[in-house]
Protein backbone atom coordinates (compact mmCIF):
# COMPACT_ATOMS: atom_id res chain seq x y z
CA MET A 1 253.07 14.80 145.66
CA GLU A 2 254.90 13.33 142.79
CA ARG A 3 253.39 11.42 140.19
CA LYS A 4 254.41 7.77 139.94
CA TYR A 5 252.97 7.18 136.35
CA PHE A 6 253.37 8.92 133.08
CA ALA A 7 250.75 10.55 130.93
CA HIS A 8 251.62 12.18 127.86
CA GLU A 9 251.04 15.90 127.59
CA SER A 10 248.36 15.66 125.04
CA SER A 11 246.25 13.28 127.58
CA TYR A 12 243.54 14.09 130.00
CA VAL A 13 243.50 12.90 133.44
CA ASP A 14 240.44 14.21 135.49
CA GLU A 15 240.65 14.29 139.34
CA PRO A 16 239.92 12.41 141.50
CA CYS A 17 240.89 9.02 139.81
CA THR A 18 243.42 6.51 140.76
CA ILE A 19 246.15 5.49 138.54
CA GLY A 20 248.98 3.18 139.64
CA GLU A 21 252.81 3.34 139.74
CA GLY A 22 254.44 2.62 136.48
CA THR A 23 251.19 2.99 134.46
CA ARG A 24 251.87 4.97 131.04
CA ILE A 25 249.29 6.86 129.40
CA TRP A 26 249.67 7.95 125.83
CA HIS A 27 248.94 10.65 123.24
CA PHE A 28 245.30 11.76 123.34
CA SER A 29 243.78 9.53 126.05
CA HIS A 30 241.32 10.61 128.44
CA VAL A 31 240.90 9.08 132.03
CA MET A 32 237.71 10.35 133.64
CA LYS A 33 237.24 11.11 137.25
CA ASP A 34 235.99 8.27 139.61
CA SER A 35 238.02 5.62 137.28
CA ALA A 36 241.04 3.62 138.64
CA ILE A 37 243.58 2.28 136.77
CA GLY A 38 246.11 -0.30 138.59
CA ARG A 39 249.94 -0.58 138.43
CA GLY A 40 252.28 -1.29 135.58
CA CYS A 41 249.53 -0.72 132.67
CA THR A 42 250.02 0.71 129.23
CA ILE A 43 246.92 2.86 127.89
CA GLY A 44 247.48 3.27 124.42
CA GLN A 45 246.69 6.35 122.10
CA ASN A 46 243.20 7.83 121.88
CA VAL A 47 241.78 5.56 124.94
CA LEU A 48 238.82 6.53 126.95
CA VAL A 49 238.69 5.33 130.48
CA ALA A 50 235.10 6.38 131.79
CA SER A 51 234.11 7.40 135.04
CA GLY A 52 233.60 4.07 137.37
CA VAL A 53 235.84 1.77 134.86
CA ARG A 54 238.23 -0.41 136.91
CA VAL A 55 241.26 -1.50 135.30
CA GLY A 56 243.51 -4.07 137.12
CA ASP A 57 247.49 -4.44 137.17
CA GLY A 58 249.45 -5.27 134.08
CA CYS A 59 246.67 -4.34 131.49
CA LYS A 60 247.40 -3.32 128.04
CA ILE A 61 244.83 -1.21 126.72
CA GLN A 62 245.73 -0.65 122.52
CA ASN A 63 245.04 2.26 120.57
CA ASN A 64 241.24 3.52 119.95
CA VAL A 65 239.70 1.61 122.85
CA SER A 66 236.81 3.41 124.98
CA LEU A 67 236.59 1.59 128.24
CA TYR A 68 232.87 2.72 128.96
CA THR A 69 231.04 3.09 132.41
CA GLY A 70 230.46 -0.59 133.34
CA VAL A 71 233.66 -2.27 132.15
CA ILE A 72 235.79 -4.05 134.65
CA LEU A 73 239.23 -5.54 133.55
CA GLU A 74 240.99 -8.10 136.13
CA ASP A 75 244.92 -8.03 136.05
CA HIS A 76 246.57 -8.69 132.75
CA VAL A 77 244.11 -8.10 130.43
CA PHE A 78 244.78 -7.40 126.91
CA CYS A 79 242.36 -5.11 124.63
CA GLY A 80 243.60 -5.06 121.08
CA PRO A 81 243.41 -2.32 118.65
CA SER A 82 239.87 -0.49 118.07
CA MET A 83 237.98 -3.23 120.16
CA VAL A 84 234.38 -2.27 121.30
CA PHE A 85 232.84 -2.44 124.63
CA THR A 86 229.12 -1.60 124.90
CA ASN A 87 227.37 -0.40 127.91
CA VAL A 88 223.51 -0.21 127.19
CA VAL A 89 221.75 -3.23 125.30
CA ASN A 90 219.38 -0.83 123.35
CA PRO A 91 220.63 2.72 122.90
CA ARG A 92 218.51 5.58 121.21
CA SER A 93 220.03 9.04 121.10
CA GLU A 94 216.59 10.23 122.13
CA VAL A 95 216.29 8.08 125.42
CA VAL A 96 218.68 8.48 128.13
CA ARG A 97 219.84 5.17 129.68
CA ARG A 98 222.47 6.19 131.96
CA ASP A 99 220.45 4.15 134.90
CA GLU A 100 220.57 0.91 132.61
CA TYR A 101 224.58 0.52 132.07
CA LYS A 102 225.28 -2.82 132.31
CA THR A 103 228.42 -4.27 133.64
CA THR A 104 230.99 -6.10 131.81
CA LEU A 105 233.67 -8.27 133.48
CA VAL A 106 236.97 -9.39 131.50
CA LYS A 107 238.90 -11.81 134.04
CA ARG A 108 242.42 -12.17 134.79
CA GLY A 109 244.56 -12.83 131.84
CA ALA A 110 241.92 -12.47 128.80
CA SER A 111 243.09 -11.37 125.39
CA ILE A 112 240.28 -9.53 123.25
CA GLY A 113 241.60 -9.10 119.68
CA ALA A 114 241.83 -6.09 117.48
CA ASN A 115 238.07 -5.23 116.30
CA ALA A 116 236.34 -7.28 118.44
CA THR A 117 233.04 -6.12 119.90
CA ILE A 118 232.07 -7.04 123.57
CA VAL A 119 228.24 -6.63 124.29
CA CYS A 120 227.59 -5.34 127.64
CA GLY A 121 226.53 -7.59 130.52
CA THR A 122 228.96 -10.45 129.68
CA THR A 123 231.68 -12.08 131.27
CA ILE A 124 234.89 -12.96 129.67
CA GLY A 125 236.58 -16.07 131.52
CA ARG A 126 240.17 -16.21 132.76
CA TYR A 127 242.57 -16.42 130.07
CA ALA A 128 239.96 -16.63 127.67
CA PHE A 129 240.94 -15.37 123.70
CA ILE A 130 238.62 -13.29 121.77
CA ALA A 131 239.66 -13.75 118.02
CA ALA A 132 240.17 -10.35 116.13
CA GLY A 133 236.56 -9.28 114.70
CA ALA A 134 234.55 -11.48 117.04
CA VAL A 135 231.02 -10.15 118.33
CA VAL A 136 230.75 -11.51 121.87
CA THR A 137 227.01 -11.80 122.88
CA HIS A 138 227.24 -14.53 125.64
CA ASP A 139 229.56 -15.21 128.74
CA VAL A 140 233.00 -16.73 127.61
CA PRO A 141 234.15 -19.41 129.74
CA ASP A 142 237.75 -19.83 130.94
CA PHE A 143 240.69 -20.60 128.62
CA ALA A 144 238.22 -20.62 125.69
CA LEU A 145 239.20 -19.36 122.01
CA VAL A 146 235.71 -17.77 120.61
CA VAL A 147 235.61 -16.65 116.94
CA GLY A 148 233.23 -15.01 114.61
CA ASN A 149 229.75 -13.02 114.67
CA PRO A 150 228.27 -14.08 116.84
CA ALA A 151 231.39 -15.54 118.46
CA ARG A 152 231.37 -19.28 119.24
CA ARG A 153 234.07 -21.51 121.14
CA SER A 154 236.26 -22.91 118.49
CA GLY A 155 238.91 -24.22 121.12
CA TRP A 156 240.74 -24.00 124.05
CA MET A 157 243.72 -21.62 124.88
CA CYS A 158 246.57 -22.12 127.35
CA ARG A 159 247.32 -19.40 129.93
CA CYS A 160 250.59 -18.98 127.92
CA GLY A 161 248.76 -17.91 124.96
CA ILE A 162 249.02 -20.99 122.76
CA LYS A 163 245.98 -22.90 121.34
CA LEU A 164 245.68 -26.50 123.11
CA ARG A 165 245.20 -29.68 121.40
CA VAL A 166 242.46 -31.35 123.75
CA GLU A 167 242.58 -35.13 123.55
CA GLU A 168 239.66 -36.90 125.13
CA TRP A 169 239.66 -35.10 128.62
CA GLU A 170 242.84 -33.72 128.88
CA ALA A 171 245.50 -31.35 127.23
CA GLN A 172 249.14 -30.48 127.67
CA CYS A 173 250.60 -27.37 126.36
CA GLU A 174 253.35 -28.02 123.80
CA THR A 175 255.04 -24.58 124.81
CA CYS A 176 254.80 -24.46 128.59
CA ARG A 177 253.97 -27.83 129.57
CA ALA A 178 250.98 -26.66 131.45
CA ARG A 179 248.19 -29.72 131.95
CA TYR A 180 244.25 -29.17 131.85
CA SER A 181 241.42 -31.12 132.65
CA LEU A 182 238.09 -31.05 130.39
CA HIS A 183 235.11 -32.10 132.04
CA GLU A 184 231.59 -31.01 131.19
CA ASP A 185 232.59 -28.17 128.84
CA VAL A 186 234.88 -26.85 131.46
CA LEU A 187 238.78 -26.54 131.15
CA THR A 188 240.66 -26.48 134.53
CA LEU A 189 244.28 -26.12 135.09
CA LEU A 190 245.97 -28.78 137.30
């Protein structure tokens, strides 16, 4: 059966796993068994996709990212270069904690900047934007822009990736003209 994805000759793809049509896996990457990658994804250089990981369609995983067991990426998630996911809250070399892996969910359209760290057990909301170098220790709401260590919300982002200017209880993107409503610290696309 002909493969419908590209894997560079220096990468390793362990069977069984699922890789969608049009996905590209680049140099020195490792896709482990029992993982699933959707259609049209780009897996950059030196990326690990561990067993049990789920990656949706259209995701872009930049160089030097490890997707450890417990990570779930919905469709169209962007993971910037060298960003980090954890999967155990209190790791010790001497203590095996494989039965304590926590799930980290990154929802549709979210972007995670270069060198950011996502502590396991958190949920990143739809179209949220994690700034470069941020350390996420708590859930991030849909459309939120978070920065710093620990990450704190500093604004709101449009689904097209432009920072919104929220006035009173509403916002309209200056680029794509999408409209939003803000109620009780929840931003909703209208």
